[in-house]
């Protein structure tokens, strides 16, 4: 019978998923803000895309901290509360979506 928890692989895969999500949010937010500036969209769209990029950058910066906390919680068997990362990710996603809607409607 295989063990329920293999030594550390889940945490590495989860960290890589957070890195991909954060990098995509940061790069796409910057790219969309740049396009918005070049085509002359209203400032609110650029601000929303820049907020999405900022959220992605913050998530990317927090991946190391998150990895250490999760690793410690897994080995200690203690619960982990990482709602802050989820809130930042949702805020960035909602800012990107709102920026896209504003980009389409206000052009």
PDB file of N, CA and C in Angstrom:
ATOM      1  N   UNK A   1       0.838  -1.185   0.000  1.00  0.00           N
ATOM      2  CA  UNK A   1       0.000   0.000   0.000  1.00  0.00           C
ATOM      3  C   UNK A   1       0.884   1.249   0.000  1.00  0.00           C
ATOM      4  N   UNK A   2       0.581   2.194  -0.867  1.00  0.00           N
ATOM      5  CA  UNK A   2       1.401   3.405  -0.949  1.00  0.00           C
ATOM      6  C   UNK A   2       0.967   4.409   0.120  1.00  0.00           C
ATOM      7  N   UNK A   3       1.912   5.211   0.599  1.00  0.00           N
ATOM      8  CA  UNK A   3       1.563   6.206   1.627  1.00  0.00           C
ATOM      9  C   UNK A   3       0.705   7.323   1.027  1.00  0.00           C
ATOM     10  N   UNK A   4      -0.070   7.960   1.891  1.00  0.00           N
ATOM     11  CA  UNK A   4      -0.926   9.051   1.453  1.00  0.00           C
ATOM     12  C   UNK A   4      -0.134  10.301   1.111  1.00  0.00           C
ATOM     13  N   UNK A   5       1.004  10.459   1.709  1.00  0.00           N
ATOM     14  CA  UNK A   5       1.792  11.672   1.510  1.00  0.00           C
ATOM     15  C   UNK A   5       3.195  11.280   1.093  1.00  0.00           C
ATOM     16  N   UNK A   6       3.564  11.636  -0.131  1.00  0.00           N
ATOM     17  CA  UNK A   6       4.939  11.401  -0.535  1.00  0.00           C
ATOM     18  C   UNK A   6       5.765  12.624  -0.190  1.00  0.00           C
ATOM     19  N   UNK A   7       6.971  12.422   0.180  1.00  0.00           N
ATOM     20  CA  UNK A   7       7.839  13.444   0.758  1.00  0.00           C
ATOM     21  C   UNK A   7       8.037  14.667  -0.141  1.00  0.00           C
ATOM     22  N   UNK A   8       7.202  15.670  -0.007  1.00  0.00           N
ATOM     23  CA  UNK A   8       7.459  16.971  -0.585  1.00  0.00           C
ATOM     24  C   UNK A   8       7.009  17.239  -2.004  1.00  0.00           C
ATOM     25  N   UNK A   9       6.589  16.278  -2.749  1.00  0.00           N
ATOM     26  CA  UNK A   9       6.283  16.535  -4.150  1.00  0.00           C
ATOM     27  C   UNK A   9       5.058  17.423  -4.350  1.00  0.00           C
ATOM     28  N   UNK A  10       4.060  17.304  -3.519  1.00  0.00           N
ATOM     29  CA  UNK A  10       2.876  18.152  -3.677  1.00  0.00           C
ATOM     30  C   UNK A  10       3.231  19.614  -3.504  1.00  0.00           C
ATOM     31  N   UNK A  11       4.044  19.923  -2.552  1.00  0.00           N
ATOM     32  CA  UNK A  11       4.392  21.306  -2.271  1.00  0.00           C
ATOM     33  C   UNK A  11       5.157  21.924  -3.435  1.00  0.00           C
ATOM     34  N   UNK A  12       6.063  21.175  -4.050  1.00  0.00           N
ATOM     35  CA  UNK A  12       6.806  21.705  -5.194  1.00  0.00           C
ATOM     36  C   UNK A  12       5.882  21.944  -6.388  1.00  0.00           C
ATOM     37  N   UNK A  13       4.989  21.006  -6.642  1.00  0.00           N
ATOM     38  CA  UNK A  13       4.041  21.176  -7.756  1.00  0.00           C
ATOM     39  C   UNK A  13       3.113  22.353  -7.501  1.00  0.00           C
ATOM     40  N   UNK A  14       2.665  22.520  -6.270  1.00  0.00           N
ATOM     41  CA  UNK A  14       1.798  23.644  -5.939  1.00  0.00           C
ATOM     42  C   UNK A  14       2.550  24.964  -6.080  1.00  0.00           C
ATOM     43  N   UNK A  15       3.805  24.982  -5.658  1.00  0.00           N
ATOM     44  CA  UNK A  15       4.602  26.204  -5.801  1.00  0.00           C
ATOM     45  C   UNK A  15       4.766  26.567  -7.276  1.00  0.00           C
ATOM     46  N   UNK A  16       5.045  25.586  -8.106  1.00  0.00           N
ATOM     47  CA  UNK A  16       5.181  25.854  -9.535  1.00  0.00           C
ATOM     48  C   UNK A  16       3.882  26.369 -10.136  1.00  0.00           C
ATOM     49  N   UNK A  17       2.763  25.849  -9.672  1.00  0.00           N
ATOM     50  CA  UNK A  17       1.463  26.340 -10.164  1.00  0.00           C
ATOM     51  C   UNK A  17       1.244  27.794  -9.750  1.00  0.00           C
ATOM     52  N   UNK A  18       1.608  28.138  -8.517  1.00  0.00           N
ATOM     53  CA  UNK A  18       1.484  29.529  -8.067  1.00  0.00           C
ATOM     54  C   UNK A  18       2.413  30.439  -8.851  1.00  0.00           C
ATOM     55  N   UNK A  19       3.626  29.965  -9.141  1.00  0.00           N
ATOM     56  CA  UNK A  19       4.573  30.767  -9.926  1.00  0.00           C
ATOM     57  C   UNK A  19       4.017  31.011 -11.329  1.00  0.00           C
ATOM     58  N   UNK A  20       3.491  29.973 -11.962  1.00  0.00           N
ATOM     59  CA  UNK A  20       2.900  30.150 -13.304  1.00  0.00           C
ATOM     60  C   UNK A  20       1.738  31.129 -13.273  1.00  0.00           C
ATOM     61  N   UNK A  21       0.869  30.998 -12.284  1.00  0.00           N
ATOM     62  CA  UNK A  21      -0.280  31.891 -12.175  1.00  0.00           C
ATOM     63  C   UNK A  21       0.159  33.334 -11.947  1.00  0.00           C
ATOM     64  N   UNK A  22       1.090  33.526 -11.028  1.00  0.00           N
ATOM     65  CA  UNK A  22       1.562  34.873 -10.703  1.00  0.00           C
ATOM     66  C   UNK A  22       2.284  35.501 -11.889  1.00  0.00           C
ATOM     67  N   UNK A  23       3.131  34.734 -12.560  1.00  0.00           N
ATOM     68  CA  UNK A  23       3.869  35.271 -13.707  1.00  0.00           C
ATOM     69  C   UNK A  23       2.918  35.636 -14.842  1.00  0.00           C
ATOM     70  N   UNK A  24       1.938  34.787 -15.088  1.00  0.00           N
ATOM     71  CA  UNK A  24       0.967  35.079 -16.136  1.00  0.00           C
ATOM     72  C   UNK A  24       0.167  36.330 -15.810  1.00  0.00           C
ATOM     73  N   UNK A  25      -0.240  36.477 -14.573  1.00  0.00           N
ATOM     74  CA  UNK A  25      -1.000  37.653 -14.160  1.00  0.00           C
ATOM     75  C   UNK A  25      -0.151  38.916 -14.277  1.00  0.00           C
ATOM     76  N   UNK A  26       1.093  38.847 -13.849  1.00  0.00           N
ATOM     77  CA  UNK A  26       1.971  40.019 -13.907  1.00  0.00           C
ATOM     78  C   UNK A  26       2.283  40.408 -15.352  1.00  0.00           C
ATOM     79  N   UNK A  27       2.663  39.451 -16.166  1.00  0.00           N
ATOM     80  CA  UNK A  27       3.058  39.755 -17.548  1.00  0.00           C
ATOM     81  C   UNK A  27       1.858  40.187 -18.390  1.00  0.00           C
ATOM     82  N   UNK A  28       0.744  39.496 -18.238  1.00  0.00           N
ATOM     83  CA  UNK A  28      -0.427  39.886 -19.041  1.00  0.00           C
ATOM     84  C   UNK A  28      -0.976  41.235 -18.585  1.00  0.00           C
ATOM     85  N   UNK A  29      -0.923  41.520 -17.301  1.00  0.00           N
ATOM     86  CA  UNK A  29      -1.362  42.831 -16.822  1.00  0.00           C
ATOM     87  C   UNK A  29      -0.489  43.949 -17.359  1.00  0.00           C
ATOM     88  N   UNK A  30       0.826  43.729 -17.351  1.00  0.00           N
ATOM     89  CA  UNK A  30       1.732  44.740 -17.903  1.00  0.00           C
ATOM     90  C   UNK A  30       1.520  44.910 -19.407  1.00  0.00           C
ATOM     91  N   UNK A  31       1.369  43.802 -20.101  1.00  0.00           N
ATOM     92  CA  UNK A  31       1.147  43.883 -21.547  1.00  0.00           C
ATOM     93  C   UNK A  31      -0.144  44.595 -21.890  1.00  0.00           C
ATOM     94  N   UNK A  32      -1.212  44.264 -21.180  1.00  0.00           N
ATOM     95  CA  UNK A  32      -2.499  44.901 -21.445  1.00  0.00           C
ATOM     96  C   UNK A  32      -2.465  46.388 -21.087  1.00  0.00           C
ATOM     97  N   UNK A  33      -1.774  46.736 -19.994  1.00  0.00           N
ATOM     98  CA  UNK A  33      -1.648  48.149 -19.635  1.00  0.00           C
ATOM     99  C   UNK A  33      -0.861  48.898 -20.707  1.00  0.00           C
ATOM    100  N   UNK A  34       0.180  48.267 -21.224  1.00  0.00           N
ATOM    101  CA  UNK A  34       0.957  48.886 -22.293  1.00  0.00           C
ATOM    102  C   UNK A  34       0.145  49.103 -23.550  1.00  0.00           C
ATOM    103  N   UNK A  35      -0.645  48.112 -23.924  1.00  0.00           N
ATOM    104  CA  UNK A  35      -1.517  48.252 -25.094  1.00  0.00           C
ATOM    105  C   UNK A  35      -2.537  49.356 -24.850  1.00  0.00           C
ATOM    106  N   UNK A  36      -3.098  49.382 -23.652  1.00  0.00           N
ATOM    107  CA  UNK A  36      -4.059  50.419 -23.311  1.00  0.00           C
ATOM    108  C   UNK A  36      -3.473  51.816 -23.409  1.00  0.00           C
ATOM    109  N   UNK A  37      -2.230  51.957 -22.971  1.00  0.00           N
ATOM    110  CA  UNK A  37      -1.571  53.261 -23.079  1.00  0.00           C
ATOM    111  C   UNK A  37      -1.316  53.643 -24.539  1.00  0.00           C
ATOM    112  N   UNK A  38      -0.914  52.665 -25.343  1.00  0.00           N
ATOM    113  CA  UNK A  38      -0.601  52.954 -26.744  1.00  0.00           C
ATOM    114  C   UNK A  38      -1.820  53.315 -27.571  1.00  0.00           C
ATOM    115  N   UNK A  39      -2.952  52.678 -27.298  1.00  0.00           N
ATOM    116  CA  UNK A  39      -4.145  52.953 -28.106  1.00  0.00           C
ATOM    117  C   UNK A  39      -5.010  54.060 -27.517  1.00  0.00           C
ATOM    118  N   UNK A  40      -4.624  54.570 -26.369  1.00  0.00           N
ATOM    119  CA  UNK A  40      -5.339  55.707 -25.800  1.00  0.00           C
ATOM    120  C   UNK A  40      -6.660  55.379 -25.143  1.00  0.00           C
ATOM    121  N   UNK A  41      -6.732  54.264 -24.436  1.00  0.00           N
ATOM    122  CA  UNK A  41      -7.964  53.929 -23.712  1.00  0.00           C
ATOM    123  C   UNK A  41      -8.077  54.810 -22.473  1.00  0.00           C
ATOM    124  N   UNK A  42      -9.247  54.883 -21.882  1.00  0.00           N
ATOM    125  CA  UNK A  42      -9.414  55.664 -20.646  1.00  0.00           C
ATOM    126  C   UNK A  42      -8.462  55.160 -19.548  1.00  0.00           C
ATOM    127  N   UNK A  43      -8.024  56.056 -18.699  1.00  0.00           N
ATOM    128  CA  UNK A  43      -7.045  55.687 -17.659  1.00  0.00           C
ATOM    129  C   UNK A  43      -7.508  54.562 -16.732  1.00  0.00           C
ATOM    130  N   UNK A  44      -8.815  54.414 -16.530  1.00  0.00           N
ATOM    131  CA  UNK A  44      -9.288  53.362 -15.624  1.00  0.00           C
ATOM    132  C   UNK A  44      -8.889  51.980 -16.112  1.00  0.00           C
ATOM    133  N   UNK A  45      -8.864  51.760 -17.431  1.00  0.00           N
ATOM    134  CA  UNK A  45      -8.465  50.446 -17.939  1.00  0.00           C
ATOM    135  C   UNK A  45      -6.994  50.181 -17.658  1.00  0.00           C
ATOM    136  N   UNK A  46      -6.174  51.213 -17.852  1.00  0.00           N
ATOM    137  CA  UNK A  46      -4.739  51.052 -17.594  1.00  0.00           C
ATOM    138  C   UNK A  46      -4.500  50.799 -16.106  1.00  0.00           C
ATOM    139  N   UNK A  47      -5.224  51.496 -15.257  1.00  0.00           N
ATOM    140  CA  UNK A  47      -5.083  51.317 -13.811  1.00  0.00           C
ATOM    141  C   UNK A  47      -5.496  49.898 -13.403  1.00  0.00           C
ATOM    142  N   UNK A  48      -6.584  49.407 -13.962  1.00  0.00           N
ATOM    143  CA  UNK A  48      -7.035  48.055 -13.632  1.00  0.00           C
ATOM    144  C   UNK A  48      -6.022  47.007 -14.083  1.00  0.00           C
ATOM    145  N   UNK A  49      -5.489  47.164 -15.289  1.00  0.00           N
ATOM    146  CA  UNK A  49      -4.479  46.217 -15.763  1.00  0.00           C
ATOM    147  C   UNK A  49      -3.194  46.321 -14.940  1.00  0.00           C
ATOM    148  N   UNK A  50      -2.829  47.533 -14.543  1.00  0.00           N
ATOM    149  CA  UNK A  50      -1.642  47.705 -13.701  1.00  0.00           C
ATOM    150  C   UNK A  50      -1.867  47.076 -12.321  1.00  0.00           C
ATOM    151  N   UNK A  51      -3.086  47.158 -11.800  1.00  0.00           N
ATOM    152  CA  UNK A  51      -3.407  46.507 -10.526  1.00  0.00           C
ATOM    153  C   UNK A  51      -3.273  44.994 -10.652  1.00  0.00           C
ATOM    154  N   UNK A  52      -3.732  44.445 -11.771  1.00  0.00           N
ATOM    155  CA  UNK A  52      -3.579  43.009 -12.001  1.00  0.00           C
ATOM    156  C   UNK A  52      -2.107  42.627 -12.047  1.00  0.00           C
ATOM    157  N   UNK A  53      -1.295  43.453 -12.710  1.00  0.00           N
ATOM    158  CA  UNK A  53       0.142  43.186 -12.777  1.00  0.00           C
ATOM    159  C   UNK A  53       0.777  43.272 -11.392  1.00  0.00           C
ATOM    160  N   UNK A  54       0.369  44.238 -10.608  1.00  0.00           N
ATOM    161  CA  UNK A  54       0.895  44.384  -9.252  1.00  0.00           C
ATOM    162  C   UNK A  54       0.536  43.166  -8.395  1.00  0.00           C
ATOM    163  N   UNK A  55      -0.697  42.713  -8.498  1.00  0.00           N
ATOM    164  CA  UNK A  55      -1.112  41.517  -7.747  1.00  0.00           C
ATOM    165  C   UNK A  55      -0.268  40.310  -8.153  1.00  0.00           C
ATOM    166  N   UNK A  56      -0.024  40.162  -9.448  1.00  0.00           N
ATOM    167  CA  UNK A  56       0.816  39.071  -9.917  1.00  0.00           C
ATOM    168  C   UNK A  56       2.232  39.170  -9.375  1.00  0.00           C
ATOM    169  N   UNK A  57       2.783  40.387  -9.342  1.00  0.00           N
ATOM    170  CA  UNK A  57       4.132  40.578  -8.822  1.00  0.00           C
ATOM    171  C   UNK A  57       4.207  40.265  -7.330  1.00  0.00           C
ATOM    172  N   UNK A  58       3.186  40.677  -6.585  1.00  0.00           N
ATOM    173  CA  UNK A  58       3.153  40.387  -5.150  1.00  0.00           C
ATOM    174  C   UNK A  58       3.067  38.877  -4.920  1.00  0.00           C
ATOM    175  N   UNK A  59       2.224  38.201  -5.685  1.00  0.00           N
ATOM    176  CA  UNK A  59       2.123  36.744  -5.562  1.00  0.00           C
ATOM    177  C   UNK A  59       3.447  36.072  -5.890  1.00  0.00           C
ATOM    178  N   UNK A  60       4.090  36.559  -6.931  1.00  0.00           N
ATOM    179  CA  UNK A  60       5.379  35.986  -7.321  1.00  0.00           C
ATOM    180  C   UNK A  60       6.417  36.172  -6.220  1.00  0.00           C
ATOM    181  N   UNK A  61       6.411  37.326  -5.596  1.00  0.00           N
ATOM    182  CA  UNK A  61       7.347  37.587  -4.506  1.00  0.00           C
ATOM    183  C   UNK A  61       7.040  36.729  -3.279  1.00  0.00           C
ATOM    184  N   UNK A  62       5.775  36.381  -3.090  1.00  0.00           N
ATOM    185  CA  UNK A  62       5.373  35.606  -1.914  1.00  0.00           C
ATOM    186  C   UNK A  62       5.524  34.100  -2.082  1.00  0.00           C
ATOM    187  N   UNK A  63       5.869  33.611  -3.275  1.00  0.00           N
ATOM    188  CA  UNK A  63       5.912  32.161  -3.479  1.00  0.00           C
ATOM    189  C   UNK A  63       6.935  31.477  -2.585  1.00  0.00           C
ATOM    190  N   UNK A  64       8.069  32.105  -2.363  1.00  0.00           N
ATOM    191  CA  UNK A  64       9.074  31.503  -1.488  1.00  0.00           C
ATOM    192  C   UNK A  64       8.598  31.409  -0.051  1.00  0.00           C
ATOM    193  N   UNK A  65       7.974  32.476   0.420  1.00  0.00           N
ATOM    194  CA  UNK A  65       7.434  32.487   1.781  1.00  0.00           C
ATOM    195  C   UNK A  65       6.339  31.436   1.919  1.00  0.00           C
ATOM    196  N   UNK A  66       5.466  31.381   0.918  1.00  0.00           N
ATOM    197  CA  UNK A  66       4.369  30.414   0.947  1.00  0.00           C
ATOM    198  C   UNK A  66       4.910  28.991   0.954  1.00  0.00           C
ATOM    199  N   UNK A  67       5.917  28.729   0.139  1.00  0.00           N
ATOM    200  CA  UNK A  67       6.523  27.402   0.078  1.00  0.00           C
ATOM    201  C   UNK A  67       7.055  26.990   1.448  1.00  0.00           C
ATOM    202  N   UNK A  68       7.784  27.890   2.121  1.00  0.00           N
ATOM    203  CA  UNK A  68       8.343  27.577   3.436  1.00  0.00           C
ATOM    204  C   UNK A  68       7.244  27.287   4.461  1.00  0.00           C
ATOM    205  N   UNK A  69       6.182  28.089   4.442  1.00  0.00           N
ATOM    206  CA  UNK A  69       5.081  27.883   5.400  1.00  0.00           C
ATOM    207  C   UNK A  69       4.365  26.562   5.160  1.00  0.00           C
ATOM    208  N   UNK A  70       4.119  26.257   3.897  1.00  0.00           N
ATOM    209  CA  UNK A  70       3.434  24.999   3.577  1.00  0.00           C
ATOM    210  C   UNK A  70       4.313  23.815   3.947  1.00  0.00           C
ATOM    211  N   UNK A  71       5.586  23.894   3.633  1.00  0.00           N
ATOM    212  CA  UNK A  71       6.515  22.807   3.961  1.00  0.00           C
ATOM    213  C   UNK A  71       6.547  22.571   5.470  1.00  0.00           C
ATOM    214  N   UNK A  72       6.616  23.643   6.233  1.00  0.00           N
ATOM    215  CA  UNK A  72       6.625  23.510   7.696  1.00  0.00           C
ATOM    216  C   UNK A  72       5.306  22.898   8.182  1.00  0.00           C
ATOM    217  N   UNK A  73       4.187  23.362   7.653  1.00  0.00           N
ATOM    218  CA  UNK A  73       2.885  22.844   8.090  1.00  0.00           C
ATOM    219  C   UNK A  73       2.734  21.364   7.732  1.00  0.00           C
ATOM    220  N   UNK A  74       3.209  20.962   6.564  1.00  0.00           N
ATOM    221  CA  UNK A  74       3.121  19.552   6.177  1.00  0.00           C
ATOM    222  C   UNK A  74       3.915  18.663   7.117  1.00  0.00           C
ATOM    223  N   UNK A  75       5.130  19.079   7.440  1.00  0.00           N
ATOM    224  CA  UNK A  75       5.965  18.260   8.310  1.00  0.00           C
ATOM    225  C   UNK A  75       5.526  18.303   9.763  1.00  0.00           C
ATOM    226  N   UNK A  76       4.938  19.407  10.187  1.00  0.00           N
ATOM    227  CA  UNK A  76       4.485  19.523  11.576  1.00  0.00           C
ATOM    228  C   UNK A  76       3.074  18.981  11.768  1.00  0.00           C
ATOM    229  N   UNK A  77       2.349  18.784  10.662  1.00  0.00           N
ATOM    230  CA  UNK A  77       0.973  18.315  10.773  1.00  0.00           C
ATOM    231  C   UNK A  77       0.023  19.391  11.267  1.00  0.00           C
ATOM    232  N   UNK A  78       0.399  20.634  11.113  1.00  0.00           N
ATOM    233  CA  UNK A  78      -0.435  21.729  11.591  1.00  0.00           C
ATOM    234  C   UNK A  78      -1.258  22.313  10.442  1.00  0.00           C
ATOM    235  N   UNK A  79      -2.370  22.959  10.765  1.00  0.00           N
ATOM    236  CA  UNK A  79      -3.192  23.573   9.716  1.00  0.00           C
ATOM    237  C   UNK A  79      -2.488  24.793   9.113  1.00  0.00           C
ATOM    238  N   UNK A  80      -2.894  25.129   7.922  1.00  0.00           N
ATOM    239  CA  UNK A  80      -2.275  26.244   7.217  1.00  0.00           C
ATOM    240  C   UNK A  80      -3.364  27.194   6.754  1.00  0.00           C
ATOM    241  N   UNK A  81      -3.184  28.469   7.054  1.00  0.00           N
ATOM    242  CA  UNK A  81      -4.140  29.479   6.621  1.00  0.00           C
ATOM    243  C   UNK A  81      -3.451  30.409   5.629  1.00  0.00           C
ATOM    244  N   UNK A  82      -3.717  30.232   4.370  1.00  0.00           N
ATOM    245  CA  UNK A  82      -3.099  31.044   3.323  1.00  0.00           C
ATOM    246  C   UNK A  82      -4.166  31.791   2.532  1.00  0.00           C
ATOM    247  N   UNK A  83      -5.117  32.385   3.230  1.00  0.00           N
ATOM    248  CA  UNK A  83      -6.172  33.126   2.544  1.00  0.00           C
ATOM    249  C   UNK A  83      -5.646  34.371   1.860  1.00  0.00           C
ATOM    250  N   UNK A  84      -4.568  34.947   2.365  1.00  0.00           N
ATOM    251  CA  UNK A  84      -4.043  36.182   1.779  1.00  0.00           C
ATOM    252  C   UNK A  84      -3.653  35.972   0.320  1.00  0.00           C
ATOM    253  N   UNK A  85      -3.006  34.855   0.008  1.00  0.00           N
ATOM    254  CA  UNK A  85      -2.616  34.580  -1.373  1.00  0.00           C
ATOM    255  C   UNK A  85      -3.837  34.409  -2.267  1.00  0.00           C
ATOM    256  N   UNK A  86      -4.845  33.738  -1.754  1.00  0.00           N
ATOM    257  CA  UNK A  86      -6.061  33.557  -2.542  1.00  0.00           C
ATOM    258  C   UNK A  86      -6.765  34.891  -2.797  1.00  0.00           C
ATOM    259  N   UNK A  87      -6.792  35.748  -1.799  1.00  0.00           N
ATOM    260  CA  UNK A  87      -7.416  37.066  -1.960  1.00  0.00           C
ATOM    261  C   UNK A  87      -6.652  37.903  -2.982  1.00  0.00           C
ATOM    262  N   UNK A  88      -5.330  37.873  -2.917  1.00  0.00           N
ATOM    263  CA  UNK A  88      -4.519  38.626  -3.879  1.00  0.00           C
ATOM    264  C   UNK A  88      -4.736  38.092  -5.288  1.00  0.00           C
ATOM    265  N   UNK A  89      -4.781  36.769  -5.435  1.00  0.00           N
ATOM    266  CA  UNK A  89      -5.001  36.170  -6.756  1.00  0.00           C
ATOM    267  C   UNK A  89      -6.372  36.546  -7.306  1.00  0.00           C
ATOM    268  N   UNK A  90      -7.396  36.494  -6.466  1.00  0.00           N
ATOM    269  CA  UNK A  90      -8.740  36.873  -6.922  1.00  0.00           C
ATOM    270  C   UNK A  90      -8.815  38.354  -7.259  1.00  0.00           C
ATOM    271  N   UNK A  91      -8.191  39.181  -6.458  1.00  0.00           N
ATOM    272  CA  UNK A  91      -8.188  40.617  -6.735  1.00  0.00           C
ATOM    273  C   UNK A  91      -7.528  40.901  -8.082  1.00  0.00           C
ATOM    274  N   UNK A  92      -6.409  40.265  -8.346  1.00  0.00           N
ATOM    275  CA  UNK A  92      -5.737  40.444  -9.626  1.00  0.00           C
ATOM    276  C   UNK A  92      -6.566  39.948 -10.793  1.00  0.00           C
ATOM    277  N   UNK A  93      -7.204  38.804 -10.615  1.00  0.00           N
ATOM    278  CA  UNK A  93      -8.044  38.247 -11.676  1.00  0.00           C
ATOM    279  C   UNK A  93      -9.242  39.139 -11.947  1.00  0.00           C
ATOM    280  N   UNK A  94      -9.883  39.613 -10.889  1.00  0.00           N
ATOM    281  CA  UNK A  94     -11.033  40.508 -11.061  1.00  0.00           C
ATOM    282  C   UNK A  94     -10.621  41.841 -11.682  1.00  0.00           C
ATOM    283  N   UNK A  95      -9.447  42.341 -11.312  1.00  0.00           N
ATOM    284  CA  UNK A  95      -8.956  43.588 -11.920  1.00  0.00           C
ATOM    285  C   UNK A  95      -8.693  43.393 -13.403  1.00  0.00           C
ATOM    286  N   UNK A  96      -8.113  42.259 -13.780  1.00  0.00           N
ATOM    287  CA  UNK A  96      -7.862  41.978 -15.197  1.00  0.00           C
ATOM    288  C   UNK A  96      -9.174  41.847 -15.967  1.00  0.00           C
ATOM    289  N   UNK A  97     -10.147  41.158 -15.372  1.00  0.00           N
ATOM    290  CA  UNK A  97     -11.442  41.004 -16.041  1.00  0.00           C
ATOM    291  C   UNK A  97     -12.161  42.336 -16.165  1.00  0.00           C
ATOM    292  N   UNK A  98     -12.140  43.135 -15.102  1.00  0.00           N
ATOM    293  CA  UNK A  98     -12.782  44.455 -15.159  1.00  0.00           C
ATOM    294  C   UNK A  98     -12.075  45.356 -16.160  1.00  0.00           C
ATOM    295  N   UNK A  99     -10.755  45.269 -16.235  1.00  0.00           N
ATOM    296  CA  UNK A  99     -10.011  46.041 -17.208  1.00  0.00           C
ATOM    297  C   UNK A  99     -10.366  45.649 -18.635  1.00  0.00           C
ATOM    298  N   UNK A 100     -10.541  44.344 -18.858  1.00  0.00           N
ATOM    299  CA  UNK A 100     -10.923  43.871 -20.192  1.00  0.00           C
ATOM    300  C   UNK A 100     -12.319  44.359 -20.565  1.00  0.00           C
ATOM    301  N   UNK A 101     -13.245  44.294 -19.626  1.00  0.00           N
ATOM    302  CA  UNK A 101     -14.604  44.792 -19.896  1.00  0.00           C
ATOM    303  C   UNK A 101     -14.583  46.281 -20.151  1.00  0.00           C
ATOM    304  N   UNK A 102     -13.844  47.023 -19.351  1.00  0.00           N
ATOM    305  CA  UNK A 102     -13.756  48.467 -19.563  1.00  0.00           C
ATOM    306  C   UNK A 102     -13.079  48.782 -20.904  1.00  0.00           C
ATOM    307  N   UNK A 103     -12.066  48.002 -21.265  1.00  0.00           N
ATOM    308  CA  UNK A 103     -11.381  48.201 -22.536  1.00  0.00           C
ATOM    309  C   UNK A 103     -12.342  48.033 -23.713  1.00  0.00           C
ATOM    310  N   UNK A 104     -13.192  47.038 -23.640  1.00  0.00           N
ATOM    311  CA  UNK A 104     -14.144  46.776 -24.721  1.00  0.00           C
ATOM    312  C   UNK A 104     -15.273  47.812 -24.733  1.00  0.00           C
ATOM    313  N   UNK A 105     -15.822  48.120 -23.577  1.00  0.00           N
ATOM    314  CA  UNK A 105     -16.979  49.004 -23.525  1.00  0.00           C
ATOM    315  C   UNK A 105     -16.646  50.474 -23.699  1.00  0.00           C
ATOM    316  N   UNK A 106     -15.470  50.901 -23.260  1.00  0.00           N
ATOM    317  CA  UNK A 106     -15.143  52.315 -23.292  1.00  0.00           C
ATOM    318  C   UNK A 106     -14.357  52.734 -24.545  1.00  0.00           C
ATOM    319  N   UNK A 107     -14.143  51.847 -25.444  1.00  0.00           N
ATOM    320  CA  UNK A 107     -13.439  52.193 -26.695  1.00  0.00           C
ATOM    321  C   UNK A 107     -14.348  52.774 -27.707  1.00  0.00           C
TER     322      UNK A 107
END
